[in-house]
Amino acid sequence: MNLLSLIIIFLALVIAGSVFFIAWELSSGKPLIRQKEETGAEKEPKPPPD
């Protein structure tokens, strides 16, 4: 195999992996990315209620 075919196979594996990861994140109850954003927002101090 020459270098071009190796690059094409590598890009195909990267695209397939990213599609699988996005589908797995959407199928789970709380995606990891949203969960990290929520925990980061909860760490901020909230102003006391008036």
PDB file of N, CA and C in Angstrom:
ATOM      1  N   MET A   1       0.848  -1.204   0.000  1.00  0.00           N
ATOM      2  CA  MET A   1       0.000   0.000   0.000  1.00  0.00           C
ATOM      3  C   MET A   1       0.879   1.248   0.000  1.00  0.00           C
ATOM      4  N   ASN A   2       0.471   2.202  -0.769  1.00  0.00           N
ATOM      5  CA  ASN A   2       1.247   3.443  -0.777  1.00  0.00           C
ATOM      6  C   ASN A   2       0.737   4.384   0.308  1.00  0.00           C
ATOM      7  N   LEU A   3       1.384   5.523   0.409  1.00  0.00           N
ATOM      8  CA  LEU A   3       1.073   6.456   1.493  1.00  0.00           C
ATOM      9  C   LEU A   3      -0.337   7.025   1.362  1.00  0.00           C
ATOM     10  N   LEU A   4      -0.786   7.253   0.136  1.00  0.00           N
ATOM     11  CA  LEU A   4      -2.110   7.845  -0.056  1.00  0.00           C
ATOM     12  C   LEU A   4      -3.218   6.925   0.456  1.00  0.00           C
ATOM     13  N   SER A   5      -3.107   5.640   0.168  1.00  0.00           N
ATOM     14  CA  SER A   5      -4.143   4.720   0.639  1.00  0.00           C
ATOM     15  C   SER A   5      -4.111   4.585   2.157  1.00  0.00           C
ATOM     16  N   LEU A   6      -2.939   4.662   2.762  1.00  0.00           N
ATOM     17  CA  LEU A   6      -2.857   4.619   4.223  1.00  0.00           C
ATOM     18  C   LEU A   6      -3.528   5.840   4.835  1.00  0.00           C
ATOM     19  N   ILE A   7      -3.331   7.004   4.233  1.00  0.00           N
ATOM     20  CA  ILE A   7      -3.961   8.227   4.738  1.00  0.00           C
ATOM     21  C   ILE A   7      -5.478   8.135   4.600  1.00  0.00           C
ATOM     22  N   ILE A   8      -5.952   7.603   3.483  1.00  0.00           N
ATOM     23  CA  ILE A   8      -7.398   7.481   3.268  1.00  0.00           C
ATOM     24  C   ILE A   8      -8.008   6.517   4.285  1.00  0.00           C
ATOM     25  N   ILE A   9      -7.340   5.397   4.537  1.00  0.00           N
ATOM     26  CA  ILE A   9      -7.850   4.438   5.523  1.00  0.00           C
ATOM     27  C   ILE A   9      -7.853   5.058   6.912  1.00  0.00           C
ATOM     28  N   PHE A  10      -6.805   5.807   7.251  1.00  0.00           N
ATOM     29  CA  PHE A  10      -6.741   6.446   8.566  1.00  0.00           C
ATOM     30  C   PHE A  10      -7.865   7.465   8.736  1.00  0.00           C
ATOM     31  N   LEU A  11      -8.108   8.280   7.709  1.00  0.00           N
ATOM     32  CA  LEU A  11      -9.189   9.262   7.786  1.00  0.00           C
ATOM     33  C   LEU A  11     -10.549   8.570   7.897  1.00  0.00           C
ATOM     34  N   ALA A  12     -10.731   7.463   7.197  1.00  0.00           N
ATOM     35  CA  ALA A  12     -11.999   6.735   7.284  1.00  0.00           C
ATOM     36  C   ALA A  12     -12.211   6.189   8.694  1.00  0.00           C
ATOM     37  N   LEU A  13     -11.151   5.697   9.324  1.00  0.00           N
ATOM     38  CA  LEU A  13     -11.276   5.195  10.694  1.00  0.00           C
ATOM     39  C   LEU A  13     -11.580   6.327  11.662  1.00  0.00           C
ATOM     40  N   VAL A  14     -10.964   7.488  11.467  1.00  0.00           N
ATOM     41  CA  VAL A  14     -11.224   8.630  12.345  1.00  0.00           C
ATOM     42  C   VAL A  14     -12.671   9.093  12.208  1.00  0.00           C
ATOM     43  N   ILE A  15     -13.167   9.173  10.987  1.00  0.00           N
ATOM     44  CA  ILE A  15     -14.548   9.608  10.766  1.00  0.00           C
ATOM     45  C   ILE A  15     -15.526   8.594  11.355  1.00  0.00           C
ATOM     46  N   ALA A  16     -15.259   7.304  11.154  1.00  0.00           N
ATOM     47  CA  ALA A  16     -16.148   6.278  11.705  1.00  0.00           C
ATOM     48  C   ALA A  16     -16.133   6.311  13.228  1.00  0.00           C
ATOM     49  N   GLY A  17     -14.965   6.534  13.815  1.00  0.00           N
ATOM     50  CA  GLY A  17     -14.881   6.612  15.269  1.00  0.00           C
ATOM     51  C   GLY A  17     -15.624   7.813  15.821  1.00  0.00           C
ATOM     52  N   SER A  18     -15.517   8.941  15.140  1.00  0.00           N
ATOM     53  CA  SER A  18     -16.207  10.136  15.627  1.00  0.00           C
ATOM     54  C   SER A  18     -17.722   9.987  15.490  1.00  0.00           C
ATOM     55  N   VAL A  19     -18.180   9.372  14.422  1.00  0.00           N
ATOM     56  CA  VAL A  19     -19.618   9.140  14.253  1.00  0.00           C
ATOM     57  C   VAL A  19     -20.125   8.189  15.331  1.00  0.00           C
ATOM     58  N   PHE A  20     -19.359   7.137  15.624  1.00  0.00           N
ATOM     59  CA  PHE A  20     -19.762   6.201  16.678  1.00  0.00           C
ATOM     60  C   PHE A  20     -19.784   6.887  18.034  1.00  0.00           C
ATOM     61  N   PHE A  21     -18.807   7.747  18.294  1.00  0.00           N
ATOM     62  CA  PHE A  21     -18.751   8.445  19.581  1.00  0.00           C
ATOM     63  C   PHE A  21     -19.934   9.396  19.736  1.00  0.00           C
ATOM     64  N   ILE A  22     -20.282  10.127  18.680  1.00  0.00           N
ATOM     65  CA  ILE A  22     -21.418  11.053  18.748  1.00  0.00           C
ATOM     66  C   ILE A  22     -22.717  10.277  18.960  1.00  0.00           C
ATOM     67  N   ALA A  23     -22.877   9.152  18.263  1.00  0.00           N
ATOM     68  CA  ALA A  23     -24.091   8.349  18.435  1.00  0.00           C
ATOM     69  C   ALA A  23     -24.163   7.776  19.844  1.00  0.00           C
ATOM     70  N   TRP A  24     -23.024   7.376  20.406  1.00  0.00           N
ATOM     71  CA  TRP A  24     -23.016   6.823  21.766  1.00  0.00           C
ATOM     72  C   TRP A  24     -23.335   7.911  22.787  1.00  0.00           C
ATOM     73  N   GLU A  25     -22.817   9.117  22.568  1.00  0.00           N
ATOM     74  CA  GLU A  25     -23.105  10.228  23.476  1.00  0.00           C
ATOM     75  C   GLU A  25     -24.592  10.587  23.435  1.00  0.00           C
ATOM     76  N   LEU A  26     -25.181  10.613  22.254  1.00  0.00           N
ATOM     77  CA  LEU A  26     -26.592  10.979  22.141  1.00  0.00           C
ATOM     78  C   LEU A  26     -27.496   9.888  22.701  1.00  0.00           C
ATOM     79  N   SER A  27     -27.080   8.628  22.628  1.00  0.00           N
ATOM     80  CA  SER A  27     -27.935   7.543  23.107  1.00  0.00           C
ATOM     81  C   SER A  27     -27.879   7.404  24.620  1.00  0.00           C
ATOM     82  N   SER A  28     -26.822   7.882  25.259  1.00  0.00           N
ATOM     83  CA  SER A  28     -26.719   7.758  26.714  1.00  0.00           C
ATOM     84  C   SER A  28     -27.642   8.775  27.381  1.00  0.00           C
ATOM     85  N   GLY A  29     -27.950   8.544  28.656  1.00  0.00           N
ATOM     86  CA  GLY A  29     -28.878   9.425  29.365  1.00  0.00           C
ATOM     87  C   GLY A  29     -28.327  10.828  29.493  1.00  0.00           C
ATOM     88  N   LYS A  30     -27.131  10.944  30.071  1.00  0.00           N
ATOM     89  CA  LYS A  30     -26.479  12.246  30.186  1.00  0.00           C
ATOM     90  C   LYS A  30     -25.147  12.185  29.448  1.00  0.00           C
ATOM     91  N   PRO A  31     -25.034  12.841  28.316  1.00  0.00           N
ATOM     92  CA  PRO A  31     -23.756  12.843  27.594  1.00  0.00           C
ATOM     93  C   PRO A  31     -22.636  13.419  28.449  1.00  0.00           C
ATOM     94  N   LEU A  32     -21.422  12.923  28.226  1.00  0.00           N
ATOM     95  CA  LEU A  32     -20.285  13.347  29.045  1.00  0.00           C
ATOM     96  C   LEU A  32     -20.007  14.832  28.868  1.00  0.00           C
ATOM     97  N   ILE A  33     -20.160  15.332  27.637  1.00  0.00           N
ATOM     98  CA  ILE A  33     -19.831  16.737  27.384  1.00  0.00           C
ATOM     99  C   ILE A  33     -20.825  17.634  28.124  1.00  0.00           C
ATOM    100  N   ARG A  34     -22.121  17.317  28.043  1.00  0.00           N
ATOM    101  CA  ARG A  34     -23.116  18.137  28.741  1.00  0.00           C
ATOM    102  C   ARG A  34     -22.955  18.008  30.252  1.00  0.00           C
ATOM    103  N   GLN A  35     -22.596  16.828  30.725  1.00  0.00           N
ATOM    104  CA  GLN A  35     -22.441  16.623  32.163  1.00  0.00           C
ATOM    105  C   GLN A  35     -21.275  17.462  32.685  1.00  0.00           C
ATOM    106  N   LYS A  36     -20.202  17.558  31.915  1.00  0.00           N
ATOM    107  CA  LYS A  36     -19.071  18.385  32.344  1.00  0.00           C
ATOM    108  C   LYS A  36     -19.475  19.854  32.380  1.00  0.00           C
ATOM    109  N   GLU A  37     -20.272  20.291  31.406  1.00  0.00           N
ATOM    110  CA  GLU A  37     -20.703  21.687  31.396  1.00  0.00           C
ATOM    111  C   GLU A  37     -21.622  21.971  32.585  1.00  0.00           C
ATOM    112  N   GLU A  38     -22.496  21.026  32.920  1.00  0.00           N
ATOM    113  CA  GLU A  38     -23.412  21.237  34.046  1.00  0.00           C
ATOM    114  C   GLU A  38     -22.650  21.290  35.361  1.00  0.00           C
ATOM    115  N   THR A  39     -21.684  20.410  35.547  1.00  0.00           N
ATOM    116  CA  THR A  39     -20.926  20.422  36.798  1.00  0.00           C
ATOM    117  C   THR A  39     -20.082  21.684  36.880  1.00  0.00           C
ATOM    118  N   GLY A  40     -19.592  22.157  35.739  1.00  0.00           N
ATOM    119  CA  GLY A  40     -18.814  23.394  35.754  1.00  0.00           C
ATOM    120  C   GLY A  40     -19.686  24.585  36.103  1.00  0.00           C
ATOM    121  N   ALA A  41     -20.950  24.565  35.634  1.00  0.00           N
ATOM    122  CA  ALA A  41     -21.850  25.673  35.942  1.00  0.00           C
ATOM    123  C   ALA A  41     -22.276  25.627  37.406  1.00  0.00           C
ATOM    124  N   GLU A  42     -22.377  24.413  37.965  1.00  0.00           N
ATOM    125  CA  GLU A  42     -22.803  24.303  39.361  1.00  0.00           C
ATOM    126  C   GLU A  42     -21.702  24.746  40.327  1.00  0.00           C
ATOM    127  N   LYS A  43     -20.461  24.697  39.893  1.00  0.00           N
ATOM    128  CA  LYS A  43     -19.366  25.091  40.779  1.00  0.00           C
ATOM    129  C   LYS A  43     -19.312  26.607  40.975  1.00  0.00           C
ATOM    130  N   GLU A  44     -19.929  27.358  40.057  1.00  0.00           N
ATOM    131  CA  GLU A  44     -19.902  28.816  40.191  1.00  0.00           C
ATOM    132  C   GLU A  44     -20.783  29.229  41.373  1.00  0.00           C
ATOM    133  N   PRO A  45     -20.346  30.190  42.170  1.00  0.00           N
ATOM    134  CA  PRO A  45     -21.165  30.617  43.315  1.00  0.00           C
ATOM    135  C   PRO A  45     -22.445  31.306  42.843  1.00  0.00           C
ATOM    136  N   LYS A  46     -23.545  30.912  43.452  1.00  0.00           N
ATOM    137  CA  LYS A  46     -24.828  31.510  43.084  1.00  0.00           C
ATOM    138  C   LYS A  46     -25.118  32.681  44.014  1.00  0.00           C
ATOM    139  N   PRO A  47     -25.674  33.769  43.500  1.00  0.00           N
ATOM    140  CA  PRO A  47     -26.008  34.914  44.362  1.00  0.00           C
ATOM    141  C   PRO A  47     -27.144  34.554  45.302  1.00  0.00           C
ATOM    142  N   PRO A  48     -27.152  35.083  46.503  1.00  0.00           N
ATOM    143  CA  PRO A  48     -28.235  34.768  47.446  1.00  0.00           C
ATOM    144  C   PRO A  48     -29.561  35.324  46.947  1.00  0.00           C
ATOM    145  N   PRO A  49     -30.657  34.614  47.195  1.00  0.00           N
ATOM    146  CA  PRO A  49     -31.967  35.108  46.733  1.00  0.00           C
ATOM    147  C   PRO A  49     -32.374  36.367  47.487  1.00  0.00           C
ATOM    148  N   ASP A  50     -33.082  37.214  46.785  1.00  0.00           N
ATOM    149  CA  ASP A  50     -33.536  38.475  47.408  1.00  0.00           C
ATOM    150  C   ASP A  50     -34.770  38.246  48.268  1.00  0.00           C
TER     151      ASP A  50
END
